[in-house]
Amino acid sequence: MVVKKIVNKFVKLKVYTQRSLIYYQLLNSFLIILIFLSGYELHFLIKIGAIILSVCAIVTIGYFDTRWKILEREQEHFNQENKSIQEILERLEKIENK
């Protein structure tokens, strides 16, 4: 029982860490764009517009990734090639058929 609580807390911590890493990656992308634009002699409003456009592009890519279920397809492809998961799925099917 105690081990199960520890494992559940670990899983929650891992999920929260993964979510925070997503926001960190977005911030990192924003900073890379800002550094890239700082090398050019552009008007301040053009730089702000480019940053907003870049953020919109990132959000659009994320939207289509979710809408077209690209990540799910990647996971299915990975699971089909992973022999360990195939063995587990076969065992589950045998158990269900009994």
N, C-alpha and C. Protein backbone atom coordinates (compact mmCIF):
# COMPACT_ATOMS: atom_id res chain seq x y z
N MET A 1 0.81 -1.19 0.00
CA MET A 1 0.00 0.00 0.00
C MET A 1 0.86 1.26 0.00
N VAL A 2 1.91 1.23 0.83
CA VAL A 2 2.80 2.39 0.91
C VAL A 2 3.56 2.55 -0.40
N VAL A 3 3.96 1.42 -0.97
CA VAL A 3 4.70 1.47 -2.24
C VAL A 3 3.81 2.04 -3.34
N LYS A 4 2.54 1.66 -3.32
CA LYS A 4 1.61 2.15 -4.34
C LYS A 4 1.43 3.66 -4.23
N LYS A 5 1.37 4.19 -3.01
CA LYS A 5 1.25 5.64 -2.83
C LYS A 5 2.50 6.35 -3.33
N ILE A 6 3.65 5.77 -3.04
CA ILE A 6 4.91 6.37 -3.50
C ILE A 6 4.96 6.38 -5.02
N VAL A 7 4.57 5.27 -5.64
CA VAL A 7 4.58 5.19 -7.10
C VAL A 7 3.61 6.20 -7.69
N ASN A 8 2.41 6.33 -7.11
CA ASN A 8 1.43 7.31 -7.61
C ASN A 8 1.97 8.73 -7.50
N LYS A 9 2.63 9.05 -6.40
CA LYS A 9 3.21 10.39 -6.25
C LYS A 9 4.32 10.61 -7.26
N PHE A 10 5.11 9.57 -7.52
CA PHE A 10 6.17 9.68 -8.51
C PHE A 10 5.60 9.92 -9.90
N VAL A 11 4.52 9.21 -10.22
CA VAL A 11 3.89 9.37 -11.53
C VAL A 11 3.35 10.79 -11.69
N LYS A 12 2.69 11.31 -10.64
CA LYS A 12 2.17 12.68 -10.70
C LYS A 12 3.31 13.68 -10.87
N LEU A 13 4.41 13.47 -10.15
CA LEU A 13 5.57 14.35 -10.27
C LEU A 13 6.12 14.31 -11.69
N LYS A 14 6.15 13.13 -12.29
CA LYS A 14 6.66 12.99 -13.66
C LYS A 14 5.76 13.72 -14.65
N VAL A 15 4.44 13.59 -14.47
CA VAL A 15 3.50 14.28 -15.36
C VAL A 15 3.66 15.78 -15.25
N TYR A 16 3.76 16.29 -14.02
CA TYR A 16 3.93 17.73 -13.82
C TYR A 16 5.25 18.22 -14.41
N THR A 17 6.28 17.41 -14.29
CA THR A 17 7.58 17.78 -14.86
C THR A 17 7.50 17.83 -16.38
N GLN A 18 6.83 16.86 -16.98
CA GLN A 18 6.67 16.85 -18.44
C GLN A 18 5.92 18.08 -18.91
N ARG A 19 4.87 18.45 -18.19
CA ARG A 19 4.09 19.62 -18.59
C ARG A 19 4.91 20.90 -18.45
N SER A 20 5.68 21.00 -17.39
CA SER A 20 6.50 22.19 -17.22
C SER A 20 7.59 22.27 -18.28
N LEU A 21 8.09 21.12 -18.72
CA LEU A 21 9.10 21.12 -19.78
C LEU A 21 8.53 21.64 -21.10
N ILE A 22 7.26 21.41 -21.34
CA ILE A 22 6.62 21.93 -22.55
C ILE A 22 6.66 23.45 -22.54
N TYR A 23 6.30 24.04 -21.39
CA TYR A 23 6.33 25.50 -21.30
C TYR A 23 7.76 26.02 -21.38
N TYR A 24 8.70 25.28 -20.83
CA TYR A 24 10.11 25.66 -20.93
C TYR A 24 10.56 25.65 -22.39
N GLN A 25 10.14 24.67 -23.14
CA GLN A 25 10.51 24.60 -24.55
C GLN A 25 9.90 25.75 -25.33
N LEU A 26 8.67 26.14 -25.01
CA LEU A 26 8.07 27.30 -25.67
C LEU A 26 8.84 28.57 -25.35
N LEU A 27 9.23 28.73 -24.10
CA LEU A 27 10.03 29.89 -23.71
C LEU A 27 11.38 29.87 -24.42
N ASN A 28 11.97 28.70 -24.52
CA ASN A 28 13.26 28.56 -25.21
C ASN A 28 13.12 28.94 -26.68
N SER A 29 12.03 28.52 -27.32
CA SER A 29 11.80 28.88 -28.72
C SER A 29 11.64 30.39 -28.86
N PHE A 30 10.92 31.00 -27.93
CA PHE A 30 10.72 32.45 -27.94
C PHE A 30 12.07 33.17 -27.83
N LEU A 31 12.93 32.69 -26.94
CA LEU A 31 14.24 33.33 -26.76
C LEU A 31 15.14 33.15 -27.99
N ILE A 32 15.06 32.00 -28.61
CA ILE A 32 15.85 31.77 -29.83
C ILE A 32 15.41 32.73 -30.93
N ILE A 33 14.10 32.90 -31.08
CA ILE A 33 13.58 33.85 -32.07
C ILE A 33 14.05 35.26 -31.75
N LEU A 34 13.99 35.63 -30.47
CA LEU A 34 14.42 36.95 -30.04
C LEU A 34 15.90 37.19 -30.34
N ILE A 35 16.72 36.20 -30.06
CA ILE A 35 18.15 36.32 -30.35
C ILE A 35 18.39 36.43 -31.85
N PHE A 36 17.67 35.63 -32.62
CA PHE A 36 17.81 35.68 -34.07
C PHE A 36 17.44 37.06 -34.62
N LEU A 37 16.37 37.62 -34.10
CA LEU A 37 15.92 38.94 -34.59
C LEU A 37 16.80 40.07 -34.10
N SER A 38 17.50 39.88 -32.99
CA SER A 38 18.33 40.96 -32.46
C SER A 38 19.53 41.24 -33.35
N GLY A 39 19.87 40.31 -34.21
CA GLY A 39 21.00 40.51 -35.11
C GLY A 39 20.69 41.40 -36.29
N TYR A 40 19.43 41.73 -36.47
CA TYR A 40 19.03 42.55 -37.60
C TYR A 40 18.64 43.95 -37.13
N GLU A 41 18.88 44.91 -37.98
CA GLU A 41 18.50 46.30 -37.68
C GLU A 41 17.06 46.51 -38.14
N LEU A 42 16.13 46.08 -37.32
CA LEU A 42 14.72 46.20 -37.65
C LEU A 42 14.04 47.12 -36.64
N HIS A 43 12.95 47.68 -37.06
CA HIS A 43 12.15 48.51 -36.16
C HIS A 43 11.58 47.63 -35.05
N PHE A 44 11.39 48.22 -33.89
CA PHE A 44 10.90 47.48 -32.72
C PHE A 44 9.56 46.80 -33.00
N LEU A 45 8.65 47.48 -33.68
CA LEU A 45 7.33 46.90 -33.96
C LEU A 45 7.42 45.72 -34.91
N ILE A 46 8.38 45.75 -35.83
CA ILE A 46 8.57 44.62 -36.74
C ILE A 46 9.07 43.41 -35.96
N LYS A 47 9.97 43.64 -34.99
CA LYS A 47 10.46 42.53 -34.17
C LYS A 47 9.32 41.93 -33.34
N ILE A 48 8.48 42.79 -32.75
CA ILE A 48 7.34 42.30 -31.97
C ILE A 48 6.39 41.51 -32.86
N GLY A 49 6.13 42.01 -34.06
CA GLY A 49 5.26 41.31 -35.01
C GLY A 49 5.83 39.95 -35.40
N ALA A 50 7.15 39.91 -35.61
CA ALA A 50 7.79 38.64 -35.97
C ALA A 50 7.70 37.64 -34.82
N ILE A 51 7.84 38.12 -33.60
CA ILE A 51 7.74 37.23 -32.44
C ILE A 51 6.31 36.70 -32.32
N ILE A 52 5.33 37.58 -32.46
CA ILE A 52 3.92 37.16 -32.39
C ILE A 52 3.60 36.16 -33.50
N LEU A 53 4.10 36.43 -34.70
CA LEU A 53 3.89 35.52 -35.82
C LEU A 53 4.53 34.15 -35.56
N SER A 54 5.72 34.16 -34.97
CA SER A 54 6.40 32.90 -34.66
C SER A 54 5.64 32.11 -33.61
N VAL A 55 5.14 32.79 -32.58
CA VAL A 55 4.36 32.11 -31.55
C VAL A 55 3.08 31.54 -32.15
N CYS A 56 2.44 32.30 -33.03
CA CYS A 56 1.25 31.80 -33.71
C CYS A 56 1.57 30.57 -34.56
N ALA A 57 2.72 30.56 -35.20
CA ALA A 57 3.12 29.40 -36.00
C ALA A 57 3.34 28.18 -35.11
N ILE A 58 3.95 28.37 -33.94
CA ILE A 58 4.17 27.26 -33.02
C ILE A 58 2.83 26.71 -32.53
N VAL A 59 1.90 27.60 -32.19
CA VAL A 59 0.58 27.17 -31.73
C VAL A 59 -0.18 26.45 -32.85
N THR A 60 -0.06 26.94 -34.07
CA THR A 60 -0.73 26.31 -35.21
C THR A 60 -0.19 24.91 -35.46
N ILE A 61 1.12 24.76 -35.38
CA ILE A 61 1.72 23.43 -35.55
C ILE A 61 1.22 22.50 -34.46
N GLY A 62 1.16 22.99 -33.22
CA GLY A 62 0.64 22.17 -32.13
C GLY A 62 -0.81 21.79 -32.33
N TYR A 63 -1.61 22.73 -32.86
CA TYR A 63 -3.02 22.46 -33.11
C TYR A 63 -3.18 21.35 -34.15
N PHE A 64 -2.45 21.45 -35.26
CA PHE A 64 -2.58 20.43 -36.30
C PHE A 64 -1.99 19.10 -35.84
N ASP A 65 -0.96 19.15 -35.01
CA ASP A 65 -0.40 17.92 -34.45
C ASP A 65 -1.46 17.20 -33.62
N THR A 66 -2.22 17.96 -32.84
CA THR A 66 -3.28 17.37 -32.02
C THR A 66 -4.47 16.94 -32.88
N ARG A 67 -4.86 17.78 -33.83
CA ARG A 67 -6.04 17.49 -34.65
C ARG A 67 -5.82 16.27 -35.54
N TRP A 68 -4.64 16.16 -36.12
CA TRP A 68 -4.35 15.03 -37.01
C TRP A 68 -3.81 13.82 -36.25
N LYS A 69 -3.67 13.93 -34.94
CA LYS A 69 -3.24 12.84 -34.05
C LYS A 69 -1.90 12.25 -34.50
N ILE A 70 -0.97 13.13 -34.81
CA ILE A 70 0.35 12.69 -35.26
C ILE A 70 1.09 11.97 -34.15
N LEU A 71 1.03 12.50 -32.94
CA LEU A 71 1.72 11.87 -31.81
C LEU A 71 1.17 10.47 -31.55
N GLU A 72 -0.13 10.30 -31.63
CA GLU A 72 -0.72 8.98 -31.43
C GLU A 72 -0.24 8.01 -32.50
N ARG A 73 -0.15 8.47 -33.72
CA ARG A 73 0.34 7.60 -34.80
C ARG A 73 1.80 7.22 -34.58
N GLU A 74 2.60 8.17 -34.10
CA GLU A 74 4.00 7.87 -33.80
C GLU A 74 4.10 6.81 -32.70
N GLN A 75 3.26 6.94 -31.66
CA GLN A 75 3.28 5.97 -30.57
C GLN A 75 2.82 4.60 -31.04
N GLU A 76 1.81 4.55 -31.90
CA GLU A 76 1.36 3.27 -32.44
C GLU A 76 2.46 2.61 -33.26
N HIS A 77 3.14 3.41 -34.07
CA HIS A 77 4.24 2.88 -34.88
C HIS A 77 5.36 2.36 -33.97
N PHE A 78 5.68 3.10 -32.92
CA PHE A 78 6.72 2.68 -31.98
C PHE A 78 6.31 1.38 -31.29
N ASN A 79 5.04 1.31 -30.88
CA ASN A 79 4.57 0.12 -30.19
C ASN A 79 4.57 -1.10 -31.10
N GLN A 80 4.31 -0.92 -32.39
CA GLN A 80 4.33 -2.04 -33.32
C GLN A 80 5.74 -2.57 -33.50
N GLU A 81 6.73 -1.72 -33.43
CA GLU A 81 8.11 -2.15 -33.61
C GLU A 81 8.74 -2.66 -32.32
N ASN A 82 8.16 -2.32 -31.18
CA ASN A 82 8.71 -2.69 -29.89
C ASN A 82 8.28 -4.12 -29.56
N LYS A 83 9.23 -5.04 -29.50
CA LYS A 83 8.92 -6.45 -29.28
C LYS A 83 8.38 -6.70 -27.88
N SER A 84 8.87 -5.98 -26.89
CA SER A 84 8.39 -6.18 -25.52
C SER A 84 6.91 -5.85 -25.41
N ILE A 85 6.49 -4.77 -26.02
CA ILE A 85 5.09 -4.39 -25.97
C ILE A 85 4.24 -5.39 -26.73
N GLN A 86 4.75 -5.90 -27.84
CA GLN A 86 4.01 -6.91 -28.60
C GLN A 86 3.80 -8.17 -27.77
N GLU A 87 4.82 -8.57 -27.01
CA GLU A 87 4.68 -9.75 -26.16
C GLU A 87 3.63 -9.50 -25.07
N ILE A 88 3.64 -8.32 -24.49
CA ILE A 88 2.65 -7.99 -23.46
C ILE A 88 1.25 -8.00 -24.04
N LEU A 89 1.08 -7.42 -25.24
CA LEU A 89 -0.24 -7.41 -25.88
C LEU A 89 -0.72 -8.82 -26.20
N GLU A 90 0.19 -9.69 -26.63
CA GLU A 90 -0.19 -11.07 -26.92
C GLU A 90 -0.63 -11.78 -25.65
N ARG A 91 0.08 -11.56 -24.55
CA ARG A 91 -0.30 -12.18 -23.29
C ARG A 91 -1.67 -11.67 -22.83
N LEU A 92 -1.91 -10.39 -22.99
CA LEU A 92 -3.22 -9.82 -22.63
C LEU A 92 -4.34 -10.44 -23.46
N GLU A 93 -4.08 -10.63 -24.74
CA GLU A 93 -5.10 -11.25 -25.60
C GLU A 93 -5.38 -12.69 -25.16
N LYS A 94 -4.33 -13.41 -24.78
CA LYS A 94 -4.53 -14.78 -24.30
C LYS A 94 -5.36 -14.81 -23.02
N ILE A 95 -5.09 -13.86 -22.14
CA ILE A 95 -5.84 -13.79 -20.87
C ILE A 95 -7.29 -13.45 -21.14
N GLU A 96 -7.55 -12.52 -22.08
CA GLU A 96 -8.92 -12.13 -22.40
C GLU A 96 -9.68 -13.27 -23.06
N ASN A 97 -9.00 -14.09 -23.84
CA ASN A 97 -9.66 -15.17 -24.55
C ASN A 97 -10.02 -16.34 -23.63
N LYS A 98 -9.41 -16.43 -22.45
CA LYS A 98 -9.69 -17.55 -21.54
C LYS A 98 -11.04 -17.47 -20.92
